[in-house]
Amino acid sequence: MAVRGIKVGDVYEVEIKSLTQRGDGFARIKGVATFVKNVSVGWKGNVKVIKVGPTYVVAEPAVAGESKDSSTTGESGDSDQSDF
């Protein structure tokens, strides 16, 4: 599923404008409501899309080395995330 061309694995640069009641950061990607885990208001950086809903996107901060053009990254390369 894709909302306005946004797909799981895509990386975008965002700025967190506010927090939700659950504590997730809130931003917009291409006008779509985006919820970012583990960030605070004012945080700026790249996020990786982990879920695409019918009218929203869920993302997390991107790992160093992922660029805005990395929408073709594979899901099996999670070995460097074991340090988190």
N, C-alpha and C. Protein backbone atom coordinates (compact mmCIF):
# COMPACT_ATOMS: atom_id res chain seq x y z
N MET A 1 0.85 -1.18 0.00
CA MET A 1 0.00 0.00 0.00
C MET A 1 0.90 1.24 0.00
N ALA A 2 0.47 2.25 -0.70
CA ALA A 2 1.21 3.52 -0.72
C ALA A 2 0.22 4.68 -0.63
N VAL A 3 0.60 5.67 0.15
CA VAL A 3 -0.18 6.89 0.27
C VAL A 3 0.63 7.99 -0.37
N ARG A 4 0.11 8.60 -1.42
CA ARG A 4 0.81 9.66 -2.15
C ARG A 4 2.23 9.25 -2.53
N GLY A 5 2.41 8.01 -2.91
CA GLY A 5 3.71 7.52 -3.34
C GLY A 5 4.68 7.17 -2.23
N ILE A 6 4.24 7.23 -0.98
CA ILE A 6 5.10 6.90 0.16
C ILE A 6 5.00 5.40 0.41
N LYS A 7 6.16 4.73 0.48
CA LYS A 7 6.18 3.28 0.68
C LYS A 7 7.05 2.92 1.88
N VAL A 8 6.81 1.75 2.46
CA VAL A 8 7.64 1.25 3.55
C VAL A 8 9.08 1.15 3.05
N GLY A 9 10.00 1.65 3.86
CA GLY A 9 11.42 1.63 3.50
C GLY A 9 11.92 2.94 2.94
N ASP A 10 11.01 3.81 2.50
CA ASP A 10 11.41 5.13 1.99
C ASP A 10 12.01 5.96 3.12
N VAL A 11 12.95 6.84 2.79
CA VAL A 11 13.58 7.72 3.76
C VAL A 11 13.30 9.16 3.38
N TYR A 12 12.86 9.97 4.36
CA TYR A 12 12.54 11.38 4.13
C TYR A 12 13.14 12.23 5.24
N GLU A 13 13.42 13.49 4.92
CA GLU A 13 13.89 14.44 5.91
C GLU A 13 12.67 15.17 6.47
N VAL A 14 12.59 15.23 7.82
CA VAL A 14 11.44 15.89 8.46
C VAL A 14 11.92 16.74 9.63
N GLU A 15 11.01 17.59 10.10
CA GLU A 15 11.19 18.34 11.34
C GLU A 15 9.97 18.09 12.19
N ILE A 16 10.18 17.70 13.45
CA ILE A 16 9.08 17.39 14.35
C ILE A 16 8.50 18.70 14.88
N LYS A 17 7.22 18.93 14.60
CA LYS A 17 6.54 20.16 15.00
C LYS A 17 5.83 20.05 16.34
N SER A 18 5.39 18.84 16.70
CA SER A 18 4.66 18.64 17.96
C SER A 18 4.71 17.16 18.33
N LEU A 19 4.19 16.86 19.52
CA LEU A 19 4.09 15.48 19.97
C LEU A 19 2.63 15.08 20.08
N THR A 20 2.36 13.81 19.85
CA THR A 20 1.01 13.29 20.02
C THR A 20 0.80 12.99 21.50
N GLN A 21 -0.43 12.67 21.87
CA GLN A 21 -0.73 12.30 23.26
C GLN A 21 0.02 11.04 23.67
N ARG A 22 0.38 10.20 22.71
CA ARG A 22 1.14 8.98 23.01
C ARG A 22 2.63 9.24 23.09
N GLY A 23 3.06 10.47 22.77
CA GLY A 23 4.47 10.82 22.86
C GLY A 23 5.26 10.67 21.58
N ASP A 24 4.59 10.29 20.49
CA ASP A 24 5.28 10.20 19.20
C ASP A 24 5.41 11.58 18.58
N GLY A 25 6.48 11.79 17.82
CA GLY A 25 6.65 13.04 17.11
C GLY A 25 5.67 13.12 15.95
N PHE A 26 5.25 14.35 15.61
CA PHE A 26 4.31 14.53 14.51
C PHE A 26 4.95 15.43 13.45
N ALA A 27 4.90 14.97 12.21
CA ALA A 27 5.40 15.74 11.06
C ALA A 27 4.51 15.40 9.87
N ARG A 28 4.79 16.02 8.76
CA ARG A 28 4.07 15.70 7.52
C ARG A 28 5.07 15.38 6.43
N ILE A 29 4.77 14.31 5.69
CA ILE A 29 5.54 13.94 4.50
C ILE A 29 4.57 14.02 3.34
N LYS A 30 4.86 14.89 2.38
CA LYS A 30 3.98 15.09 1.22
C LYS A 30 2.55 15.37 1.66
N GLY A 31 2.39 16.06 2.79
CA GLY A 31 1.06 16.41 3.30
C GLY A 31 0.39 15.31 4.10
N VAL A 32 1.04 14.18 4.25
CA VAL A 32 0.45 13.04 4.97
C VAL A 32 0.91 13.07 6.43
N ALA A 33 -0.03 12.90 7.36
CA ALA A 33 0.30 12.84 8.78
C ALA A 33 1.29 11.72 9.03
N THR A 34 2.41 12.07 9.70
CA THR A 34 3.48 11.11 9.94
C THR A 34 3.82 11.09 11.42
N PHE A 35 3.81 9.90 12.01
CA PHE A 35 4.12 9.72 13.42
C PHE A 35 5.50 9.09 13.53
N VAL A 36 6.40 9.77 14.27
CA VAL A 36 7.79 9.33 14.36
C VAL A 36 8.09 8.92 15.79
N LYS A 37 8.59 7.71 15.96
CA LYS A 37 8.87 7.18 17.29
C LYS A 37 10.22 7.69 17.81
N ASN A 38 10.31 7.87 19.13
CA ASN A 38 11.57 8.18 19.83
C ASN A 38 12.23 9.49 19.42
N VAL A 39 11.46 10.55 19.25
CA VAL A 39 12.00 11.87 18.95
C VAL A 39 11.29 12.91 19.81
N SER A 40 11.83 14.13 19.84
CA SER A 40 11.21 15.21 20.59
C SER A 40 10.93 16.39 19.67
N VAL A 41 10.17 17.36 20.16
CA VAL A 41 9.82 18.54 19.38
C VAL A 41 11.10 19.26 18.96
N GLY A 42 11.16 19.67 17.70
CA GLY A 42 12.32 20.37 17.18
C GLY A 42 13.36 19.46 16.54
N TRP A 43 13.22 18.15 16.72
CA TRP A 43 14.17 17.21 16.12
C TRP A 43 14.08 17.31 14.60
N LYS A 44 15.24 17.35 13.94
CA LYS A 44 15.30 17.37 12.48
C LYS A 44 16.22 16.24 12.04
N GLY A 45 15.81 15.54 11.02
CA GLY A 45 16.65 14.46 10.50
C GLY A 45 15.89 13.58 9.54
N ASN A 46 16.56 12.52 9.12
CA ASN A 46 15.96 11.57 8.20
C ASN A 46 15.20 10.51 8.97
N VAL A 47 14.04 10.15 8.44
CA VAL A 47 13.24 9.08 9.03
C VAL A 47 12.97 8.01 7.98
N LYS A 48 12.86 6.77 8.45
CA LYS A 48 12.56 5.64 7.56
C LYS A 48 11.14 5.20 7.83
N VAL A 49 10.35 5.08 6.78
CA VAL A 49 8.95 4.67 6.89
C VAL A 49 8.89 3.20 7.26
N ILE A 50 8.16 2.88 8.36
CA ILE A 50 8.02 1.48 8.78
C ILE A 50 6.61 0.95 8.62
N LYS A 51 5.63 1.87 8.44
CA LYS A 51 4.24 1.44 8.24
C LYS A 51 3.51 2.52 7.46
N VAL A 52 2.68 2.09 6.52
CA VAL A 52 1.84 3.02 5.76
C VAL A 52 0.39 2.61 5.96
N GLY A 53 -0.39 3.49 6.58
CA GLY A 53 -1.81 3.25 6.79
C GLY A 53 -2.60 3.93 5.68
N PRO A 54 -3.91 3.88 5.76
CA PRO A 54 -4.75 4.46 4.71
C PRO A 54 -4.63 5.98 4.63
N THR A 55 -4.38 6.65 5.77
CA THR A 55 -4.29 8.11 5.78
C THR A 55 -3.11 8.63 6.60
N TYR A 56 -2.20 7.74 7.00
CA TYR A 56 -1.09 8.15 7.86
C TYR A 56 0.13 7.29 7.58
N VAL A 57 1.27 7.73 8.14
CA VAL A 57 2.53 7.01 8.00
C VAL A 57 3.16 6.91 9.38
N VAL A 58 3.81 5.79 9.68
CA VAL A 58 4.60 5.65 10.91
C VAL A 58 6.05 5.49 10.48
N ALA A 59 6.95 6.22 11.16
CA ALA A 59 8.36 6.19 10.79
C ALA A 59 9.22 6.18 12.05
N GLU A 60 10.51 5.93 11.85
CA GLU A 60 11.48 5.98 12.94
C GLU A 60 12.73 6.66 12.41
N PRO A 61 13.55 7.22 13.30
CA PRO A 61 14.78 7.86 12.84
C PRO A 61 15.61 6.87 12.01
N ALA A 62 16.14 7.36 10.89
CA ALA A 62 16.92 6.51 10.00
C ALA A 62 18.31 6.26 10.58
N VAL A 63 18.84 5.08 10.32
CA VAL A 63 20.18 4.72 10.74
C VAL A 63 21.17 5.50 9.89
N ALA A 64 22.28 5.93 10.48
CA ALA A 64 23.31 6.66 9.74
C ALA A 64 23.71 5.88 8.50
N GLY A 65 23.86 6.58 7.41
CA GLY A 65 24.22 5.94 6.15
C GLY A 65 23.05 5.77 5.21
N GLU A 66 21.83 5.85 5.71
CA GLU A 66 20.65 5.77 4.85
C GLU A 66 20.39 7.16 4.30
N SER A 67 20.14 7.24 3.01
CA SER A 67 19.91 8.54 2.40
C SER A 67 18.48 8.66 1.94
N LYS A 68 18.13 9.87 1.49
CA LYS A 68 16.77 10.11 1.02
C LYS A 68 16.45 9.27 -0.21
N ASP A 69 17.46 8.75 -0.89
CA ASP A 69 17.26 7.97 -2.11
C ASP A 69 17.25 6.47 -1.84
N SER A 70 17.15 6.06 -0.59
CA SER A 70 17.30 4.64 -0.27
C SER A 70 15.98 3.88 -0.22
N SER A 71 15.04 4.25 -1.04
CA SER A 71 13.74 3.59 -1.00
C SER A 71 13.81 2.14 -1.47
N THR A 72 14.96 1.72 -2.00
CA THR A 72 15.09 0.35 -2.46
C THR A 72 15.89 -0.51 -1.50
N THR A 73 16.12 -0.06 -0.27
CA THR A 73 16.89 -0.86 0.69
C THR A 73 16.14 -2.13 1.04
N GLY A 74 16.87 -3.19 1.31
CA GLY A 74 16.26 -4.47 1.63
C GLY A 74 15.87 -4.55 3.09
N GLU A 75 14.93 -5.41 3.40
CA GLU A 75 14.48 -5.58 4.77
C GLU A 75 15.37 -6.54 5.55
N SER A 76 16.25 -7.29 4.87
CA SER A 76 17.06 -8.29 5.55
C SER A 76 18.33 -7.72 6.16
N GLY A 77 18.68 -6.48 5.90
CA GLY A 77 19.92 -5.90 6.38
C GLY A 77 19.78 -5.26 7.75
N ASP A 78 19.17 -5.92 8.69
CA ASP A 78 18.94 -5.36 10.02
C ASP A 78 20.07 -5.66 11.00
N SER A 79 21.18 -6.28 10.56
CA SER A 79 22.20 -6.71 11.48
C SER A 79 22.88 -5.55 12.19
N ASP A 80 23.01 -4.35 11.57
CA ASP A 80 23.67 -3.28 12.28
C ASP A 80 22.77 -2.58 13.27
N GLN A 81 21.52 -2.95 13.40
CA GLN A 81 20.65 -2.32 14.36
C GLN A 81 20.67 -3.04 15.71
N SER A 82 21.51 -4.07 15.86
CA SER A 82 21.54 -4.82 17.10
C SER A 82 22.17 -4.01 18.24
N ASP A 83 22.84 -2.89 17.95
CA ASP A 83 23.45 -2.07 18.98
C ASP A 83 22.45 -1.20 19.71
N PHE A 84 21.21 -1.12 19.26
CA PHE A 84 20.24 -0.19 19.84
C PHE A 84 19.54 -0.77 21.01
